[in-house]
Amino acid sequence: MRIEGGRAGYSEPSPSRVADGGVMTDRSQAILEAAKQVGALLKRNGHSFALAGSVAVYAHGGSGHLQHDADFCVRRSDAEAVADTLAEAGLGVRTPPEDWLMKTTCLGEDVDLLFELAHRPVTTDMLARAQEMPVDSVRMPVLAPTDLMRALIEAFSEHHCDFGPALAAARALREKVDWEDVRASCGDEPMPAAFFYLLERLNVIEPREVHR
């Protein structure tokens, strides 16, 4: 596996400048273009993967205001093959101190390749649930809405409880998510429980019945 720094040899796209209001901005367009480039590369080389993060939420109909970087799920067992594919395309692959991802840079934007989502390993079953759909002009596997929301909500802790992005995703995806499945996964953890309470009070999801 070739691990190195570097940039892809792609030419920079011409980003679309659109006013704020849930639609694409220059930075969001750059993140989207990076996701399209990497997704097309992984698909062309036959890798099992799924688009995740804010770009996946966007593909499912969410906001065009994308968050920080592009995220992909890959199995840990496929890391070396994926890294070789990226390196052969001129994308330097980096291994940060965290052992649950590797990173690259495409078109000047960070791209994370995740082996875990909220401490859950990326599995063959998770990737099988992904839905192939258009991401702007490129078709690729996109993480299923229930898996997307599970990852966002299970990540909450006392040290990470920014509900804003997850609330926007929940509103966009609410009819596509198996909320009882997500609740069951989160158990009685306090931060996820607080988020579910917020979703109920805002009428994003139906309140859970209380059995007396």
Protein backbone atom coordinates (compact mmCIF):
# COMPACT_ATOMS: atom_id res chain seq x y z
CA MET A 1 0.00 0.00 0.00
CA ARG A 2 1.48 3.34 -0.99
CA ILE A 3 0.92 5.97 1.71
CA GLU A 4 2.08 9.45 0.87
CA GLY A 5 1.15 13.10 0.76
CA GLY A 6 0.05 14.86 -2.37
CA ARG A 7 -2.70 16.17 -4.58
CA ALA A 8 -4.62 14.65 -7.41
CA GLY A 9 -3.75 15.63 -10.92
CA TYR A 10 -7.30 16.78 -11.65
CA SER A 11 -8.08 20.24 -12.93
CA GLU A 12 -10.12 22.41 -10.61
CA PRO A 13 -13.82 22.65 -11.48
CA SER A 14 -15.62 25.94 -11.91
CA PRO A 15 -17.71 26.11 -8.73
CA SER A 16 -21.26 27.41 -8.77
CA ARG A 17 -21.91 30.49 -6.66
CA VAL A 18 -25.44 30.46 -5.29
CA ALA A 19 -26.90 32.50 -2.45
CA ASP A 20 -27.34 30.89 0.96
CA GLY A 21 -30.63 29.20 1.83
CA GLY A 22 -29.92 25.49 1.70
CA VAL A 23 -28.47 25.53 -1.81
CA MET A 24 -25.01 25.03 -3.23
CA THR A 25 -22.21 27.49 -2.45
CA ASP A 26 -18.64 27.61 -3.76
CA ARG A 27 -17.22 25.47 -0.91
CA SER A 28 -20.12 23.02 -1.05
CA GLN A 29 -19.71 22.65 -4.80
CA ALA A 30 -16.00 21.94 -4.35
CA ILE A 31 -16.77 19.21 -1.78
CA LEU A 32 -19.38 17.74 -4.14
CA GLU A 33 -16.93 17.70 -7.05
CA ALA A 34 -14.32 15.93 -4.89
CA ALA A 35 -16.92 13.33 -3.85
CA LYS A 36 -17.87 12.75 -7.49
CA GLN A 37 -14.24 12.29 -8.54
CA VAL A 38 -13.42 9.83 -5.75
CA GLY A 39 -16.73 7.98 -6.05
CA ALA A 40 -16.28 7.54 -9.80
CA LEU A 41 -12.73 6.28 -9.24
CA LEU A 42 -13.78 3.72 -6.62
CA LYS A 43 -16.71 2.55 -8.72
CA ARG A 44 -14.62 2.24 -11.87
CA ASN A 45 -12.16 0.01 -10.03
CA GLY A 46 -14.85 -2.26 -8.60
CA HIS A 47 -14.51 -1.39 -4.90
CA SER A 48 -17.30 -1.94 -2.39
CA PHE A 49 -18.07 1.42 -0.79
CA ALA A 50 -20.83 3.87 0.06
CA LEU A 51 -20.95 7.64 0.11
CA ALA A 52 -21.62 8.95 3.64
CA GLY A 53 -21.78 12.24 5.53
CA SER A 54 -23.37 15.46 4.36
CA VAL A 55 -22.92 14.64 0.66
CA ALA A 56 -24.96 11.46 1.18
CA VAL A 57 -27.67 13.49 2.94
CA TYR A 58 -27.64 15.86 -0.05
CA ALA A 59 -27.99 12.94 -2.47
CA HIS A 60 -31.07 11.78 -0.54
CA GLY A 61 -32.65 15.23 -0.88
CA GLY A 62 -31.08 17.17 1.97
CA SER A 63 -29.42 20.55 2.10
CA GLY A 64 -26.79 21.60 -0.41
CA HIS A 65 -24.81 23.21 2.41
CA LEU A 66 -22.15 20.52 2.77
CA GLN A 67 -20.09 19.93 5.90
CA HIS A 68 -16.30 20.15 5.98
CA ASP A 69 -15.34 17.27 3.65
CA ALA A 70 -16.52 14.25 1.65
CA ASP A 71 -16.92 10.92 3.44
CA PHE A 72 -16.92 7.37 2.11
CA CYS A 73 -17.44 4.06 3.93
CA VAL A 74 -15.14 1.18 3.07
CA ARG A 75 -14.42 -2.07 4.87
CA ARG A 76 -11.18 -2.19 6.82
CA SER A 77 -10.21 -5.32 4.89
CA ASP A 78 -10.37 -3.31 1.65
CA ALA A 79 -8.22 -0.43 2.87
CA GLU A 80 -5.03 -1.50 1.11
CA ALA A 81 -6.72 -2.06 -2.25
CA VAL A 82 -8.58 1.26 -2.00
CA ALA A 83 -5.36 3.09 -1.05
CA ASP A 84 -3.56 1.57 -4.04
CA THR A 85 -6.36 2.70 -6.39
CA LEU A 86 -6.22 6.24 -5.03
CA ALA A 87 -2.42 6.37 -5.19
CA GLU A 88 -2.38 5.13 -8.78
CA ALA A 89 -4.73 8.01 -9.67
CA GLY A 90 -2.32 10.50 -8.10
CA LEU A 91 -4.19 10.89 -4.81
CA GLY A 92 -1.86 10.74 -1.82
CA VAL A 93 -3.25 8.65 1.05
CA ARG A 94 -2.60 9.61 4.67
CA THR A 95 -3.12 7.58 7.85
CA PRO A 96 -3.98 9.85 10.81
CA PRO A 97 -3.45 8.80 14.45
CA GLU A 98 -7.05 7.60 14.58
CA ASP A 99 -7.14 4.01 13.37
CA TRP A 100 -10.68 4.08 11.99
CA LEU A 101 -10.07 6.02 8.77
CA MET A 102 -7.61 7.10 6.12
CA LYS A 103 -7.56 10.43 4.33
CA THR A 104 -6.83 11.86 0.93
CA THR A 105 -7.18 15.21 -0.82
CA CYS A 106 -8.99 15.72 -4.12
CA LEU A 107 -9.43 19.06 -5.89
CA GLY A 108 -8.13 20.75 -2.76
CA GLU A 109 -10.81 19.20 -0.51
CA ASP A 110 -10.37 16.62 2.23
CA VAL A 111 -11.87 13.19 1.65
CA ASP A 112 -12.21 10.70 4.52
CA LEU A 113 -12.44 6.95 3.93
CA LEU A 114 -14.07 5.52 7.03
CA PHE A 115 -13.74 2.00 8.40
CA GLU A 116 -16.14 2.79 11.26
CA LEU A 117 -19.23 4.95 11.79
CA ALA A 118 -19.75 6.01 15.42
CA HIS A 119 -17.56 3.10 16.55
CA ARG A 120 -19.50 0.56 14.47
CA PRO A 121 -17.39 -1.18 11.80
CA VAL A 122 -18.38 -0.75 8.18
CA THR A 123 -19.72 -4.17 7.20
CA THR A 124 -20.68 -5.99 4.04
CA ASP A 125 -24.34 -5.79 5.15
CA MET A 126 -24.12 -2.03 5.61
CA LEU A 127 -22.67 -1.57 2.14
CA ALA A 128 -25.31 -3.93 0.70
CA ARG A 129 -28.04 -1.65 2.09
CA ALA A 130 -26.57 1.35 0.23
CA GLN A 131 -28.67 2.64 -2.64
CA GLU A 132 -27.09 3.39 -6.01
CA MET A 133 -28.34 6.81 -6.99
CA PRO A 134 -27.20 9.96 -8.80
CA VAL A 135 -24.90 12.27 -6.89
CA ASP A 136 -25.23 15.31 -9.09
CA SER A 137 -24.10 13.77 -12.41
CA VAL A 138 -22.38 10.61 -11.09
CA ARG A 139 -24.20 7.46 -9.96
CA MET A 140 -22.69 5.70 -6.95
CA PRO A 141 -23.73 3.75 -3.84
CA VAL A 142 -25.07 6.06 -1.12
CA LEU A 143 -25.45 4.98 2.49
CA ALA A 144 -29.07 4.12 3.36
CA PRO A 145 -30.96 6.89 5.23
CA THR A 146 -31.42 4.75 8.36
CA ASP A 147 -27.69 4.01 8.51
CA LEU A 148 -26.90 7.69 7.91
CA MET A 149 -29.08 8.86 10.80
CA ARG A 150 -27.86 6.07 13.07
CA ALA A 151 -24.27 7.18 12.53
CA LEU A 152 -25.09 10.84 13.19
CA ILE A 153 -27.08 10.17 16.36
CA GLU A 154 -24.84 7.48 17.86
CA ALA A 155 -21.89 9.87 17.55
CA PHE A 156 -23.40 12.24 20.14
CA SER A 157 -21.62 12.38 23.49
CA GLU A 158 -20.88 14.84 26.26
CA HIS A 159 -17.99 16.09 24.14
CA HIS A 160 -19.87 16.18 20.84
CA CYS A 161 -23.48 17.33 20.95
CA ASP A 162 -23.96 19.74 18.03
CA PHE A 163 -27.52 18.87 17.08
CA GLY A 164 -27.72 21.36 14.18
CA PRO A 165 -26.47 19.26 11.24
CA ALA A 166 -28.23 16.12 12.49
CA LEU A 167 -31.50 18.03 12.92
CA ALA A 168 -31.31 19.29 9.33
CA ALA A 169 -30.62 15.75 8.12
CA ALA A 170 -33.49 14.32 10.19
CA ARG A 171 -35.92 16.83 8.70
CA ALA A 172 -34.77 16.03 5.17
CA LEU A 173 -34.77 12.24 5.58
CA ARG A 174 -37.52 11.68 8.14
CA GLU A 175 -39.88 9.73 5.86
CA LYS A 176 -37.03 7.49 4.65
CA VAL A 177 -35.67 6.48 8.07
CA ASP A 178 -36.68 3.52 10.22
CA TRP A 179 -36.72 5.55 13.44
CA GLU A 180 -37.53 2.62 15.71
CA ASP A 181 -34.46 0.81 14.38
CA VAL A 182 -32.32 3.87 15.12
CA ARG A 183 -33.82 4.25 18.61
CA ALA A 184 -33.12 0.60 19.38
CA SER A 185 -29.50 1.00 18.27
CA CYS A 186 -28.96 4.01 20.52
CA GLY A 187 -30.39 2.39 23.64
CA ASP A 188 -30.75 4.75 26.62
CA GLU A 189 -27.68 6.88 25.99
CA PRO A 190 -28.47 10.42 27.25
CA MET A 191 -27.43 12.53 24.26
CA PRO A 192 -29.27 10.46 21.64
CA ALA A 193 -32.30 10.39 24.00
CA ALA A 194 -32.20 14.19 24.22
CA PHE A 195 -32.04 14.44 20.43
CA PHE A 196 -35.05 12.13 20.01
CA TYR A 197 -36.95 14.28 22.51
CA LEU A 198 -36.10 17.36 20.43
CA LEU A 199 -37.28 15.63 17.24
CA GLU A 200 -40.58 14.77 18.92
CA ARG A 201 -41.14 18.30 20.26
CA LEU A 202 -40.45 19.75 16.80
CA ASN A 203 -42.83 17.22 15.20
CA VAL A 204 -40.08 15.79 13.04
CA ILE A 205 -40.96 12.28 14.25
CA GLU A 206 -43.95 10.81 16.04
CA PRO A 207 -43.64 10.58 19.84
CA ARG A 208 -42.95 7.10 21.11
CA GLU A 209 -45.94 5.61 22.88
CA VAL A 210 -45.59 5.35 26.62
CA HIS A 211 -46.92 2.01 27.85
CA ARG A 212 -48.37 2.21 31.35
